[in-house]
PDB file of N, CA and C in Angstrom:
ATOM      1  N   MET A   1      -1.639  16.377  22.764  1.00  0.00           N
ATOM      2  CA  MET A   1      -2.266  17.020  21.527  1.00  0.00           C
ATOM      3  C   MET A   1      -1.397  16.853  20.277  1.00  0.00           C
ATOM      4  N   SER A   2      -0.133  17.304  20.538  1.00  0.00           N
ATOM      5  CA  SER A   2       0.788  17.273  19.384  1.00  0.00           C
ATOM      6  C   SER A   2       1.124  15.845  18.952  1.00  0.00           C
ATOM      7  N   PHE A   3       1.061  14.870  19.931  1.00  0.00           N
ATOM      8  CA  PHE A   3       1.391  13.494  19.647  1.00  0.00           C
ATOM      9  C   PHE A   3       0.159  12.988  18.768  1.00  0.00           C
ATOM     10  N   THR A   4      -1.122  13.393  19.068  1.00  0.00           N
ATOM     11  CA  THR A   4      -2.211  12.912  18.247  1.00  0.00           C
ATOM     12  C   THR A   4      -2.141  13.514  16.893  1.00  0.00           C
ATOM     13  N   ILE A   5      -1.722  14.757  16.681  1.00  0.00           N
ATOM     14  CA  ILE A   5      -1.546  15.326  15.352  1.00  0.00           C
ATOM     15  C   ILE A   5      -0.505  14.605  14.597  1.00  0.00           C
ATOM     16  N   PHE A   6       0.615  14.317  15.248  1.00  0.00           N
ATOM     17  CA  PHE A   6       1.696  13.582  14.682  1.00  0.00           C
ATOM     18  C   PHE A   6       1.287  12.235  14.154  1.00  0.00           C
ATOM     19  N   PHE A   7       0.492  11.591  14.950  1.00  0.00           N
ATOM     20  CA  PHE A   7       0.021  10.242  14.654  1.00  0.00           C
ATOM     21  C   PHE A   7      -0.963  10.228  13.498  1.00  0.00           C
ATOM     22  N   SER A   8      -1.761  11.161  13.536  1.00  0.00           N
ATOM     23  CA  SER A   8      -2.730  11.301  12.418  1.00  0.00           C
ATOM     24  C   SER A   8      -2.087  11.588  11.107  1.00  0.00           C
ATOM     25  N   GLN A   9      -0.970  12.504  11.170  1.00  0.00           N
ATOM     26  CA  GLN A   9      -0.301  12.762   9.951  1.00  0.00           C
ATOM     27  C   GLN A   9       0.455  11.585   9.414  1.00  0.00           C
ATOM     28  N   LYS A  10       1.088  10.846  10.357  1.00  0.00           N
ATOM     29  CA  LYS A  10       1.723   9.632  10.005  1.00  0.00           C
ATOM     30  C   LYS A  10       0.727   8.643   9.315  1.00  0.00           C
ATOM     31  N   TYR A  11      -0.366   8.467   9.913  1.00  0.00           N
ATOM     32  CA  TYR A  11      -1.313   7.541   9.438  1.00  0.00           C
ATOM     33  C   TYR A  11      -1.825   7.986   8.017  1.00  0.00           C
ATOM     34  N   TYR A  12      -2.019   9.286   7.865  1.00  0.00           N
ATOM     35  CA  TYR A  12      -2.453   9.806   6.641  1.00  0.00           C
ATOM     36  C   TYR A  12      -1.455   9.689   5.556  1.00  0.00           C
ATOM     37  N   PHE A  13      -0.198   9.808   5.894  1.00  0.00           N
ATOM     38  CA  PHE A  13       0.924   9.613   4.947  1.00  0.00           C
ATOM     39  C   PHE A  13       0.999   8.169   4.495  1.00  0.00           C
ATOM     40  N   HIS A  14       0.832   7.241   5.458  1.00  0.00           N
ATOM     41  CA  HIS A  14       0.778   5.763   5.167  1.00  0.00           C
ATOM     42  C   HIS A  14      -0.425   5.406   4.320  1.00  0.00           C
ATOM     43  N   PHE A  15      -1.448   6.062   4.576  1.00  0.00           N
ATOM     44  CA  PHE A  15      -2.706   5.784   3.768  1.00  0.00           C
ATOM     45  C   PHE A  15      -2.521   6.260   2.309  1.00  0.00           C
ATOM     46  N   LEU A  16      -1.945   7.520   2.140  1.00  0.00           N
ATOM     47  CA  LEU A  16      -1.631   7.957   0.799  1.00  0.00           C
ATOM     48  C   LEU A  16      -0.638   7.083   0.081  1.00  0.00           C
ATOM     49  N   LEU A  17       0.406   6.661   0.791  1.00  0.00           N
ATOM     50  CA  LEU A  17       1.434   5.806   0.211  1.00  0.00           C
ATOM     51  C   LEU A  17       0.865   4.481  -0.179  1.00  0.00           C
ATOM     52  N   SER A  18       0.089   3.836   0.690  1.00  0.00           N
ATOM     53  CA  SER A  18      -0.477   2.584   0.341  1.00  0.00           C
ATOM     54  C   SER A  18      -1.493   2.563  -0.813  1.00  0.00           C
ATOM     55  N   THR A  19      -2.264   3.741  -0.848  1.00  0.00           N
ATOM     56  CA  THR A  19      -3.175   3.860  -1.878  1.00  0.00           C
ATOM     57  C   THR A  19      -2.547   4.037  -3.256  1.00  0.00           C
ATOM     58  N   HIS A  20      -1.440   4.876  -3.221  1.00  0.00           N
ATOM     59  CA  HIS A  20      -0.652   5.100  -4.429  1.00  0.00           C
ATOM     60  C   HIS A  20      -0.066   3.757  -4.884  1.00  0.00           C
ATOM     61  N   ARG A  21       0.434   2.970  -4.001  1.00  0.00           N
ATOM     62  CA  ARG A  21       1.098   1.739  -4.389  1.00  0.00           C
ATOM     63  C   ARG A  21      -0.043   0.734  -4.857  1.00  0.00           C
ATOM     64  N   HIS A  22      -1.134   0.752  -4.231  1.00  0.00           N
ATOM     65  CA  HIS A  22      -2.176  -0.212  -4.608  1.00  0.00           C
ATOM     66  C   HIS A  22      -2.670   0.137  -6.018  1.00  0.00           C
ATOM     67  N   ILE A  23      -2.859   1.427  -6.332  1.00  0.00           N
ATOM     68  CA  ILE A  23      -3.232   1.789  -7.722  1.00  0.00           C
ATOM     69  C   ILE A  23      -2.165   1.412  -8.713  1.00  0.00           C
ATOM     70  N   HIS A  24      -0.912   1.587  -8.272  1.00  0.00           N
ATOM     71  CA  HIS A  24       0.228   1.271  -9.168  1.00  0.00           C
ATOM     72  C   HIS A  24       0.210  -0.274  -9.453  1.00  0.00           C
ATOM     73  N   TYR A  25      -0.023  -1.112  -8.418  1.00  0.00           N
ATOM     74  CA  TYR A  25      -0.050  -2.569  -8.550  1.00  0.00           C
ATOM     75  C   TYR A  25      -1.165  -2.961  -9.431  1.00  0.00           C
ATOM     76  N   LEU A  26      -2.348  -2.295  -9.239  1.00  0.00           N
ATOM     77  CA  LEU A  26      -3.510  -2.605 -10.047  1.00  0.00           C
ATOM     78  C   LEU A  26      -3.245  -2.330 -11.569  1.00  0.00           C
ATOM     79  N   TYR A  27      -2.635  -1.153 -11.781  1.00  0.00           N
ATOM     80  CA  TYR A  27      -2.293  -0.836 -13.135  1.00  0.00           C
ATOM     81  C   TYR A  27      -1.256  -1.744 -13.745  1.00  0.00           C
ATOM     82  N   TYR A  28      -0.286  -2.095 -12.964  1.00  0.00           N
ATOM     83  CA  TYR A  28       0.749  -3.098 -13.347  1.00  0.00           C
ATOM     84  C   TYR A  28       0.212  -4.447 -13.657  1.00  0.00           C
ATOM     85  N   SER A  29      -0.756  -4.953 -12.834  1.00  0.00           N
ATOM     86  CA  SER A  29      -1.312  -6.227 -13.052  1.00  0.00           C
ATOM     87  C   SER A  29      -2.226  -6.268 -14.289  1.00  0.00           C
ATOM     88  N   LEU A  30      -2.812  -5.112 -14.546  1.00  0.00           N
ATOM     89  CA  LEU A  30      -3.648  -4.895 -15.752  1.00  0.00           C
ATOM     90  C   LEU A  30      -2.820  -4.931 -17.057  1.00  0.00           C
ATOM     91  N   SER A  31      -1.646  -4.249 -16.942  1.00  0.00           N
ATOM     92  CA  SER A  31      -0.731  -4.219 -18.028  1.00  0.00           C
ATOM     93  C   SER A  31       0.059  -5.440 -18.240  1.00  0.00           C
ATOM     94  N   HIS A  32       0.232  -6.167 -17.174  1.00  0.00           N
ATOM     95  CA  HIS A  32       1.035  -7.430 -17.238  1.00  0.00           C
ATOM     96  C   HIS A  32       0.158  -8.597 -16.692  1.00  0.00           C
ATOM     97  N   PRO A  33      -0.827  -9.012 -17.506  1.00  0.00           N
ATOM     98  CA  PRO A  33      -1.849 -10.065 -16.923  1.00  0.00           C
ATOM     99  C   PRO A  33      -1.086 -11.404 -16.770  1.00  0.00           C
ATOM    100  N   ALA A  34       0.060 -11.584 -17.380  1.00  0.00           N
ATOM    101  CA  ALA A  34       0.701 -12.881 -17.314  1.00  0.00           C
ATOM    102  C   ALA A  34       1.457 -13.017 -15.985  1.00  0.00           C
ATOM    103  N   GLU A  35       1.478 -12.014 -15.142  1.00  0.00           N
ATOM    104  CA  GLU A  35       2.234 -12.110 -13.933  1.00  0.00           C
ATOM    105  C   GLU A  35       1.478 -13.133 -12.986  1.00  0.00           C
ATOM    106  N   PRO A  36       2.291 -13.954 -12.269  1.00  0.00           N
ATOM    107  CA  PRO A  36       1.721 -14.926 -11.354  1.00  0.00           C
ATOM    108  C   PRO A  36       0.945 -14.275 -10.169  1.00  0.00           C
ATOM    109  N   SER A  37      -0.165 -14.858  -9.846  1.00  0.00           N
ATOM    110  CA  SER A  37      -1.031 -14.298  -8.776  1.00  0.00           C
ATOM    111  C   SER A  37      -0.430 -14.328  -7.402  1.00  0.00           C
ATOM    112  N   PHE A  38       0.510 -15.277  -7.140  1.00  0.00           N
ATOM    113  CA  PHE A  38       1.118 -15.291  -5.811  1.00  0.00           C
ATOM    114  C   PHE A  38       2.087 -14.153  -5.675  1.00  0.00           C
ATOM    115  N   HIS A  39       2.576 -13.587  -6.754  1.00  0.00           N
ATOM    116  CA  HIS A  39       3.431 -12.395  -6.617  1.00  0.00           C
ATOM    117  C   HIS A  39       2.622 -11.167  -6.187  1.00  0.00           C
ATOM    118  N   LEU A  40       1.385 -11.115  -6.742  1.00  0.00           N
ATOM    119  CA  LEU A  40       0.446 -10.041  -6.445  1.00  0.00           C
ATOM    120  C   LEU A  40       0.017 -10.179  -4.929  1.00  0.00           C
ATOM    121  N   GLN A  41      -0.119 -11.433  -4.458  1.00  0.00           N
ATOM    122  CA  GLN A  41      -0.571 -11.624  -3.069  1.00  0.00           C
ATOM    123  C   GLN A  41       0.605 -11.178  -2.150  1.00  0.00           C
ATOM    124  N   TRP A  42       1.857 -11.497  -2.615  1.00  0.00           N
ATOM    125  CA  TRP A  42       2.992 -11.104  -1.747  1.00  0.00           C
ATOM    126  C   TRP A  42       3.039  -9.627  -1.633  1.00  0.00           C
ATOM    127  N   ARG A  43       2.824  -8.863  -2.782  1.00  0.00           N
ATOM    128  CA  ARG A  43       2.803  -7.425  -2.749  1.00  0.00           C
ATOM    129  C   ARG A  43       1.634  -6.952  -1.811  1.00  0.00           C
ATOM    130  N   ARG A  44       0.487  -7.593  -1.883  1.00  0.00           N
ATOM    131  CA  ARG A  44      -0.594  -7.088  -1.084  1.00  0.00           C
ATOM    132  C   ARG A  44      -0.269  -7.279   0.434  1.00  0.00           C
ATOM    133  N   LYS A  45       0.377  -8.408   0.760  1.00  0.00           N
ATOM    134  CA  LYS A  45       0.775  -8.607   2.204  1.00  0.00           C
ATOM    135  C   LYS A  45       1.759  -7.521   2.572  1.00  0.00           C
ATOM    136  N   ARG A  46       2.704  -7.163   1.691  1.00  0.00           N
ATOM    137  CA  ARG A  46       3.690  -6.176   1.956  1.00  0.00           C
ATOM    138  C   ARG A  46       3.068  -4.753   2.210  1.00  0.00           C
ATOM    139  N   VAL A  47       2.013  -4.443   1.361  1.00  0.00           N
ATOM    140  CA  VAL A  47       1.325  -3.210   1.565  1.00  0.00           C
ATOM    141  C   VAL A  47       0.624  -3.168   2.914  1.00  0.00           C
ATOM    142  N   ILE A  48      -0.029  -4.336   3.326  1.00  0.00           N
ATOM    143  CA  ILE A  48      -0.710  -4.373   4.535  1.00  0.00           C
ATOM    144  C   ILE A  48       0.267  -4.264   5.704  1.00  0.00           C
ATOM    145  N   SER A  49       1.455  -4.886   5.586  1.00  0.00           N
ATOM    146  CA  SER A  49       2.417  -4.796   6.619  1.00  0.00           C
ATOM    147  C   SER A  49       2.991  -3.337   6.766  1.00  0.00           C
ATOM    148  N   ILE A  50       3.125  -2.661   5.630  1.00  0.00           N
ATOM    149  CA  ILE A  50       3.475  -1.204   5.635  1.00  0.00           C
ATOM    150  C   ILE A  50       2.429  -0.402   6.306  1.00  0.00           C
ATOM    151  N   LEU A  51       1.157  -0.713   6.010  1.00  0.00           N
ATOM    152  CA  LEU A  51       0.054   0.038   6.711  1.00  0.00           C
ATOM    153  C   LEU A  51       0.086  -0.165   8.213  1.00  0.00           C
ATOM    154  N   ILE A  52       0.237  -1.484   8.616  1.00  0.00           N
ATOM    155  CA  ILE A  52       0.213  -1.733  10.074  1.00  0.00           C
ATOM    156  C   ILE A  52       1.406  -1.069  10.703  1.00  0.00           C
ATOM    157  N   GLY A  53       2.612  -1.253  10.081  1.00  0.00           N
ATOM    158  CA  GLY A  53       3.906  -0.757  10.686  1.00  0.00           C
ATOM    159  C   GLY A  53       3.881   0.741  10.555  1.00  0.00           C
TER     160      GLY A  53
END
């Protein structure tokens, strides 16, 4: 039971963290439209890897 609560808390924390980063990257890409798209793709992959890990 405690393990399930711990796991859900960890997942919720990762979800909040990734959402915050995603919003930050969206804002950054809007304020810096000249940034290369491959850099944004690398960041997106990094966020996904953080979510899975």
